[in-house]
């Protein structure tokens, strides 16, 4: 019996998630220095299938997304590696790991980043008005001109605007406070749009585009999953690989540093599991309405308004494969701006390991639904937890 057909008892057989064949989207959360994990995930993904239809990101996720969409498949990993090597090339970022305790070395690297900046990324403003403190007539502590130069060198924006791959990056309008996505499906994308997505205040300045000013999209939502689900044309099956850098679940803090780290995790996780479940529940309810419409008598189904409603509600299956980076014991509240070479390589290697592990276990990626959304929670070691969100989605995140 073919996978996905109904046996005699009415239950649907499990079907594998197609890593090839369906449209594929890569969804990248913001997280500063932790973004090397996403680069490792992409390297491992490329080993199994070099076709990617859409990449969406926020903040450092937008930078990684631009490096992927703005290069030919054979150059993408090299460009990602070049970026992450450059931002971890400062003297304080290259202290040998055997010189001392890892937590101490991490704090040293993070402190140096705050004082001296990060090569190819940002540098401190040399402006005496900073002595005025909060009254200083400035909009940021750092200048991000180095990042602009880096992106212009490593990203082919002409390729992005040829739309060989869809690229979407999230930002926030400073004046209205509304979220916005810059998308090459509807507009030309330039270096300024990637810069806007990563303009986290008060460290980085807003970016001026077409008369408006924008800050980091993570201020409102650090994960672009909802935008992808809302914007996708549902007439083709979709597989989403959602790669998050902060986990909303964690242990009770014991020190002030752990309090800051825990607060940051909760803020920037965007309540990953809860929001993923909520988005999936919304789509599944729409599909349920479409299924009910299909049971109406033929005379009613042919009504123009019913036909239009069903077209709006119906969608091909969507599978969300969800990976979340897991902190190491010696990572502290500075983990998102700690760019030491050792940590960058560890983050990258963790991404490679987790993605290869997922690809090596296709039995984890099986669902029992014919339509709607299924999520595969691969945030913990071992077999993935398959979830079919219902109206009462779990409140965990």
Protein backbone atom coordinates (compact mmCIF):
# COMPACT_ATOMS: atom_id res chain seq x y z
CA UNK A 1 0.00 0.00 0.00
CA UNK A 2 1.50 3.44 -0.93
CA UNK A 3 2.62 5.64 1.97
CA UNK A 4 -0.04 8.16 2.93
CA UNK A 5 -3.08 6.07 1.91
CA UNK A 6 -5.79 5.06 4.35
CA UNK A 7 -5.82 1.47 5.56
CA UNK A 8 -9.07 -0.28 6.50
CA UNK A 9 -9.16 1.15 10.04
CA UNK A 10 -9.25 4.71 8.66
CA UNK A 11 -5.90 5.75 10.10
CA UNK A 12 -3.31 7.30 7.84
CA UNK A 13 0.01 5.56 7.43
CA UNK A 14 3.12 7.48 8.28
CA UNK A 15 4.82 9.24 5.38
CA UNK A 16 8.44 10.40 5.20
CA UNK A 17 9.23 14.07 4.98
CA UNK A 18 10.78 14.69 1.54
CA UNK A 19 14.13 16.42 1.90
CA UNK A 20 14.06 16.51 -1.91
CA UNK A 21 11.08 17.13 -4.18
CA UNK A 22 9.15 19.61 -2.05
CA UNK A 23 9.88 23.33 -1.90
CA UNK A 24 12.43 23.97 0.84
CA UNK A 25 12.78 27.02 3.07
CA UNK A 26 15.53 27.77 5.57
CA UNK A 27 14.41 29.98 8.48
CA UNK A 28 17.19 31.62 10.50
CA UNK A 29 16.80 33.30 13.89
CA UNK A 30 18.93 36.19 15.15
CA UNK A 31 21.64 35.56 17.74
CA UNK A 32 24.88 37.37 16.98
CA UNK A 33 27.97 35.19 17.44
CA UNK A 34 25.78 32.10 17.81
CA UNK A 35 24.96 32.43 14.10
CA UNK A 36 27.96 30.26 13.20
CA UNK A 37 25.71 27.34 14.22
CA UNK A 38 23.40 28.17 11.31
CA UNK A 39 26.35 28.19 8.90
CA UNK A 40 27.26 24.68 10.06
CA UNK A 41 23.67 23.51 9.62
CA UNK A 42 23.70 24.84 6.06
CA UNK A 43 27.01 23.14 5.26
CA UNK A 44 25.57 19.77 6.30
CA UNK A 45 22.30 20.45 4.46
CA UNK A 46 24.23 21.24 1.28
CA UNK A 47 25.93 17.84 1.48
CA UNK A 48 22.60 16.08 1.03
CA UNK A 49 20.75 18.45 -1.32
CA UNK A 50 22.00 21.69 -2.85
CA UNK A 51 18.53 22.91 -3.81
CA UNK A 52 17.04 25.55 -1.57
CA UNK A 53 14.08 27.64 -2.70
CA UNK A 54 13.81 30.24 0.04
CA UNK A 55 15.91 31.55 2.91
CA UNK A 56 14.47 33.95 5.49
CA UNK A 57 16.40 35.52 8.35
CA UNK A 58 16.51 38.13 11.07
CA UNK A 59 19.63 39.92 12.32
CA UNK A 60 22.63 37.56 12.03
CA UNK A 61 20.20 35.16 10.37
CA UNK A 62 19.72 37.81 7.67
CA UNK A 63 23.50 38.06 7.20
CA UNK A 64 23.80 34.28 6.81
CA UNK A 65 20.78 34.30 4.50
CA UNK A 66 22.36 36.96 2.26
CA UNK A 67 25.62 35.00 2.11
CA UNK A 68 23.65 31.93 0.99
CA UNK A 69 21.28 33.61 -1.50
CA UNK A 70 24.00 35.94 -2.81
CA UNK A 71 26.41 33.24 -3.96
CA UNK A 72 26.44 30.24 -6.28
CA UNK A 73 25.84 26.89 -4.52
CA UNK A 74 29.49 25.88 -4.87
CA UNK A 75 30.67 29.11 -3.21
CA UNK A 76 28.20 29.47 -0.36
CA UNK A 77 30.03 27.54 2.34
CA UNK A 78 33.31 29.22 1.40
CA UNK A 79 31.69 32.67 1.72
CA UNK A 80 30.08 31.75 5.03
CA UNK A 81 33.40 30.47 6.30
CA UNK A 82 35.19 33.61 5.11
CA UNK A 83 32.71 35.81 6.97
CA UNK A 84 32.95 33.84 10.22
CA UNK A 85 36.74 33.67 10.05
CA UNK A 86 36.93 37.42 9.59
CA UNK A 87 34.68 38.28 12.52
CA UNK A 88 36.72 35.94 14.74
CA UNK A 89 40.12 37.24 13.61
CA UNK A 90 40.77 39.91 16.29
CA UNK A 91 43.75 39.41 18.63
CA UNK A 92 41.52 38.87 21.67
CA UNK A 93 39.44 36.36 19.69
CA UNK A 94 42.46 34.20 18.93
CA UNK A 95 43.79 33.50 22.40
CA UNK A 96 44.69 29.75 22.51
CA UNK A 97 42.03 27.77 24.34
CA UNK A 98 44.60 25.98 26.51
CA UNK A 99 45.71 29.25 28.09
CA UNK A 100 43.04 29.21 30.74
CA UNK A 101 39.51 28.46 31.90
CA UNK A 102 37.03 28.56 29.02
CA UNK A 103 34.53 30.79 30.80
CA UNK A 104 37.27 33.30 31.64
CA UNK A 105 38.59 33.28 28.06
CA UNK A 106 35.06 33.78 26.75
CA UNK A 107 34.55 36.78 29.01
CA UNK A 108 37.88 38.22 27.89
CA UNK A 109 36.90 37.86 24.23
CA UNK A 110 33.48 39.44 24.83
CA UNK A 111 34.98 42.35 26.80
CA UNK A 112 37.47 42.99 24.00
CA UNK A 113 34.61 43.02 21.48
CA UNK A 114 32.82 45.69 23.51
CA UNK A 115 35.95 47.83 23.80
CA UNK A 116 37.59 47.36 20.39
CA UNK A 117 34.81 46.05 18.17
CA UNK A 118 34.86 43.06 15.79
CA UNK A 119 36.83 42.99 12.52
CA UNK A 120 34.60 43.18 9.47
CA UNK A 121 31.55 43.86 11.65
CA UNK A 122 31.54 46.90 13.94
CA UNK A 123 33.90 49.38 15.61
CA UNK A 124 33.48 51.80 18.55
CA UNK A 125 32.54 55.37 17.74
CA UNK A 126 35.44 57.75 18.41
CA UNK A 127 33.19 60.60 19.48
CA UNK A 128 33.75 62.73 22.59
CA UNK A 129 30.02 63.37 22.89
CA UNK A 130 29.75 59.87 24.31
CA UNK A 131 31.06 61.41 27.53
CA UNK A 132 27.64 63.04 27.84
CA UNK A 133 26.14 59.63 28.53
CA UNK A 134 22.46 59.35 27.70
CA UNK A 135 22.34 62.95 26.49
CA UNK A 136 24.85 62.26 23.69
CA UNK A 137 23.41 63.29 20.28
CA UNK A 138 24.18 59.87 18.82
CA UNK A 139 22.01 56.90 17.91
CA UNK A 140 24.46 54.09 18.65
CA UNK A 141 27.67 53.16 20.43
CA UNK A 142 29.19 51.45 17.39
CA UNK A 143 29.70 52.14 13.71
CA UNK A 144 28.71 49.28 11.38
CA UNK A 145 30.51 50.54 8.27
CA UNK A 146 32.84 47.48 8.46
CA UNK A 147 29.84 45.15 8.07
CA UNK A 148 28.66 47.09 5.02
CA UNK A 149 32.08 46.67 3.39
CA UNK A 150 32.14 42.96 4.29
CA UNK A 151 28.70 42.30 2.82
CA UNK A 152 29.50 44.23 -0.36
CA UNK A 153 32.59 42.07 -0.80
CA UNK A 154 31.07 38.68 -0.01
CA UNK A 155 27.51 38.99 -1.33
CA UNK A 156 26.47 39.28 -4.98
CA UNK A 157 23.34 41.42 -4.74
CA UNK A 158 22.78 41.15 -8.50
CA UNK A 159 22.39 37.39 -8.00
CA UNK A 160 19.93 38.00 -5.16
CA UNK A 161 17.86 40.27 -7.38
CA UNK A 162 17.81 37.75 -10.22
CA UNK A 163 15.62 35.77 -7.78
CA UNK A 164 17.31 32.43 -8.26
CA UNK A 165 16.41 31.92 -4.59
CA UNK A 166 13.84 33.84 -2.58
CA UNK A 167 15.33 35.97 0.20
CA UNK A 168 13.36 37.63 3.01
CA UNK A 169 14.84 39.58 5.93
CA UNK A 170 12.95 41.12 8.84
CA UNK A 171 13.32 44.60 10.34
CA UNK A 172 11.32 47.04 12.50
CA UNK A 173 10.26 50.56 11.51
CA UNK A 174 11.68 52.87 14.20
CA UNK A 175 8.79 55.35 14.08
CA UNK A 176 5.78 53.06 13.69
CA UNK A 177 7.18 50.11 15.63
CA UNK A 178 5.79 47.78 12.96
CA UNK A 179 7.56 44.73 11.63
CA UNK A 180 8.47 44.69 7.94
CA UNK A 181 10.07 42.12 5.67
CA UNK A 182 12.27 43.07 2.77
CA UNK A 183 11.72 40.39 0.13
CA UNK A 184 13.32 39.99 -3.29
CA UNK A 185 10.01 38.55 -4.51
CA UNK A 186 8.56 42.06 -4.36
CA UNK A 187 11.51 44.52 -4.37
CA UNK A 188 15.18 44.95 -5.07
CA UNK A 189 17.40 44.01 -2.15
CA UNK A 190 20.58 45.90 -1.36
CA UNK A 191 23.18 45.87 1.38
CA UNK A 192 21.09 48.40 3.32
CA UNK A 193 18.24 45.90 3.79
CA UNK A 194 20.55 43.31 5.34
CA UNK A 195 22.11 46.02 7.52
CA UNK A 196 18.64 47.13 8.68
CA UNK A 197 17.72 43.61 9.77
CA UNK A 198 20.78 43.52 12.04
CA UNK A 199 20.67 47.08 13.40
CA UNK A 200 20.20 46.19 17.08
CA UNK A 201 19.97 49.33 19.27
CA UNK A 202 21.61 50.93 21.11
CA UNK A 203 24.73 49.15 19.87
CA UNK A 204 24.08 49.66 16.17
CA UNK A 205 22.54 52.65 14.36
CA UNK A 206 19.23 52.57 12.49
CA UNK A 207 19.42 52.19 8.71
CA UNK A 208 17.68 54.75 6.50
CA UNK A 209 15.80 53.27 3.51
CA UNK A 210 13.39 55.18 1.24
CA UNK A 211 12.62 57.85 3.81
CA UNK A 212 12.17 55.46 6.75
CA UNK A 213 14.50 54.23 9.49
CA UNK A 214 14.80 50.62 10.59
CA UNK A 215 16.15 48.61 13.50
CA UNK A 216 16.81 44.92 14.06
CA UNK A 217 13.79 42.73 13.32
CA UNK A 218 14.45 40.74 16.49
CA UNK A 219 13.00 43.59 18.55
CA UNK A 220 9.54 42.31 17.63
CA UNK A 221 10.05 38.75 16.42
CA UNK A 222 13.41 37.03 16.25
CA UNK A 223 12.14 34.14 14.13
CA UNK A 224 10.70 34.71 10.62
CA UNK A 225 8.60 31.53 10.58
CA UNK A 226 5.24 33.31 10.65
CA UNK A 227 6.19 35.46 7.67
CA UNK A 228 7.12 32.36 5.65
CA UNK A 229 3.84 30.62 6.51
CA UNK A 230 1.80 33.74 5.71
CA UNK A 231 3.59 34.46 2.42
CA UNK A 232 3.88 30.97 0.98
CA UNK A 233 1.61 30.00 -1.91
CA UNK A 234 0.09 26.81 -0.61
CA UNK A 235 -0.27 24.91 -3.87
CA UNK A 236 3.06 23.12 -3.39
CA UNK A 237 4.31 21.01 -0.53
CA UNK A 238 6.77 22.86 1.72
CA UNK A 239 9.54 21.68 4.05
CA UNK A 240 10.83 24.34 6.48
CA UNK A 241 14.10 23.92 8.34
CA UNK A 242 13.83 26.32 11.28
CA UNK A 243 17.20 26.96 12.96
CA UNK A 244 16.99 28.82 16.27
CA UNK A 245 19.85 30.09 18.41
CA UNK A 246 18.10 30.70 21.73
CA UNK A 247 16.06 28.20 23.70
CA UNK A 248 13.18 29.52 25.77
CA UNK A 249 13.43 26.50 28.05
CA UNK A 250 16.18 26.52 30.63
CA UNK A 251 17.11 25.98 34.26
CA UNK A 252 16.66 28.37 37.16
CA UNK A 253 19.52 30.92 37.29
CA UNK A 254 21.88 30.93 40.29
CA UNK A 255 23.99 34.03 39.60
CA UNK A 256 23.47 37.52 38.17
CA UNK A 257 25.25 36.47 34.99
CA UNK A 258 22.88 33.52 34.63
CA UNK A 259 19.92 35.85 35.23
CA UNK A 260 21.02 38.03 32.30
CA UNK A 261 21.60 34.99 30.12
CA UNK A 262 18.21 33.51 31.00
CA UNK A 263 16.48 36.82 30.31
CA UNK A 264 18.17 37.03 26.92
CA UNK A 265 17.19 33.46 26.05
CA UNK A 266 13.54 34.14 26.86
CA UNK A 267 13.47 37.46 25.02
CA UNK A 268 15.14 36.34 21.81
CA UNK A 269 13.80 32.82 21.58
CA UNK A 270 10.51 34.41 20.43
CA UNK A 271 8.88 31.56 22.40
CA UNK A 272 9.91 29.24 19.63
CA UNK A 273 7.89 26.13 20.37
CA UNK A 274 4.73 27.98 21.42
CA UNK A 275 4.76 30.24 18.36
CA UNK A 276 5.62 27.37 16.03
CA UNK A 277 2.68 25.43 17.46
CA UNK A 278 0.39 28.46 17.22
CA UNK A 279 1.30 29.07 13.57
CA UNK A 280 0.85 25.39 12.76
CA UNK A 281 -2.48 25.27 14.59
CA UNK A 282 -3.74 28.23 12.56
CA UNK A 283 -2.86 26.55 9.25
CA UNK A 284 -4.26 23.20 10.41
CA UNK A 285 -7.57 24.79 11.36
CA UNK A 286 -7.78 26.36 7.91
CA UNK A 287 -7.13 22.97 6.35
CA UNK A 288 -9.84 21.43 8.54
CA UNK A 289 -12.31 24.00 7.18
CA UNK A 290 -11.25 23.08 3.62
CA UNK A 291 -11.79 19.39 4.42
CA UNK A 292 -15.27 20.11 5.78
CA UNK A 293 -16.14 22.08 2.66
CA UNK A 294 -15.09 19.09 0.56
CA UNK A 295 -17.82 17.05 2.33
CA UNK A 296 -20.59 19.42 1.26
CA UNK A 297 -23.04 18.31 -1.44
CA UNK A 298 -21.78 19.02 -4.97
CA UNK A 299 -24.42 21.72 -5.47
CA UNK A 300 -23.14 23.70 -2.50
CA UNK A 301 -19.44 23.11 -3.32
CA UNK A 302 -19.90 24.70 -6.75
CA UNK A 303 -21.07 28.01 -5.29
CA UNK A 304 -18.50 30.69 -6.21
CA UNK A 305 -18.10 31.93 -2.64
CA UNK A 306 -17.56 28.38 -1.33
CA UNK A 307 -15.02 27.65 -4.06
CA UNK A 308 -13.12 30.84 -3.22
CA UNK A 309 -13.21 30.07 0.52
CA UNK A 310 -11.87 26.56 0.00
CA UNK A 311 -9.03 27.85 -2.16
CA UNK A 312 -8.06 30.23 0.63
CA UNK A 313 -8.20 27.52 3.29
CA UNK A 314 -6.63 24.58 1.48
CA UNK A 315 -2.88 23.95 1.50
CA UNK A 316 -0.46 21.22 0.59
CA UNK A 317 1.37 19.58 3.51
CA UNK A 318 3.91 21.71 5.40
CA UNK A 319 6.60 20.04 7.51
CA UNK A 320 8.64 22.11 9.98
CA UNK A 321 11.94 20.56 11.07
CA UNK A 322 12.98 22.52 14.15
CA UNK A 323 16.59 22.68 15.39
CA UNK A 324 17.63 24.77 18.42
CA UNK A 325 21.24 25.37 19.42
CA UNK A 326 22.09 23.95 22.85
CA UNK A 327 24.38 26.03 25.07
CA UNK A 328 27.66 24.72 26.42
CA UNK A 329 28.31 24.97 30.19
CA UNK A 330 31.02 27.64 29.79
CA UNK A 331 28.85 29.97 27.68
CA UNK A 332 27.68 33.01 29.61
CA UNK A 333 25.39 36.00 29.11
CA UNK A 334 27.91 37.35 26.58
CA UNK A 335 27.49 34.37 24.25
CA UNK A 336 25.85 36.44 21.48
CA UNK A 337 28.78 38.88 21.22
CA UNK A 338 31.61 36.47 22.08
CA UNK A 339 33.31 35.97 18.70
CA UNK A 340 36.41 34.00 19.71
CA UNK A 341 37.69 31.66 17.00
CA UNK A 342 37.32 28.69 19.31
CA UNK A 343 33.63 29.37 20.01
CA UNK A 344 32.85 30.18 16.37
CA UNK A 345 34.32 26.83 15.32
CA UNK A 346 32.45 25.01 18.09
CA UNK A 347 29.16 26.62 17.05
CA UNK A 348 29.78 25.77 13.40
CA UNK A 349 30.72 22.17 14.18
CA UNK A 350 27.63 21.78 16.39
CA UNK A 351 25.45 22.84 13.46
CA UNK A 352 27.14 20.35 11.15
CA UNK A 353 26.75 17.58 13.74
CA UNK A 354 23.07 18.26 14.45
CA UNK A 355 22.08 18.49 10.79
CA UNK A 356 24.04 15.39 9.78
CA UNK A 357 22.44 13.54 12.67
CA UNK A 358 19.00 14.56 11.43
CA UNK A 359 19.72 13.53 7.84
CA UNK A 360 21.16 10.22 9.03
CA UNK A 361 17.87 9.34 10.77
CA UNK A 362 15.07 9.71 8.22
CA UNK A 363 12.86 7.59 10.48
CA UNK A 364 12.63 10.60 12.82
CA UNK A 365 11.01 12.64 10.05
CA UNK A 366 7.76 10.78 9.56
CA UNK A 367 4.30 12.14 10.12
CA UNK A 368 0.85 10.65 10.04
CA UNK A 369 -0.97 13.53 8.33
CA UNK A 370 -1.92 13.98 4.70
CA UNK A 371 -2.22 17.75 4.87
CA UNK A 372 -1.78 20.71 7.20
CA UNK A 373 1.34 21.26 9.30
CA UNK A 374 3.49 18.77 11.18
CA UNK A 375 6.42 19.91 13.31
CA UNK A 376 9.45 17.82 14.23
CA UNK A 377 11.10 19.01 17.43
CA UNK A 378 14.77 18.07 17.12
CA UNK A 379 15.98 20.40 19.86
CA UNK A 380 17.01 17.54 22.12
CA UNK A 381 19.31 14.58 21.37
CA UNK A 382 17.63 11.40 20.20
CA UNK A 383 14.52 10.79 18.11
CA UNK A 384 12.58 13.91 17.21
CA UNK A 385 9.26 14.62 18.86
CA UNK A 386 6.51 14.76 16.23
CA UNK A 387 3.77 17.23 17.02
CA UNK A 388 0.44 17.79 15.32
CA UNK A 389 -0.77 21.03 16.98
CA UNK A 390 -4.45 21.23 17.86
CA UNK A 391 -6.48 24.27 18.98
CA UNK A 392 -5.17 23.71 22.50
CA UNK A 393 -1.47 23.88 21.56
CA UNK A 394 1.03 23.20 24.32
CA UNK A 395 2.12 26.30 26.16
CA UNK A 396 5.76 25.31 26.36
CA UNK A 397 8.38 27.13 24.36
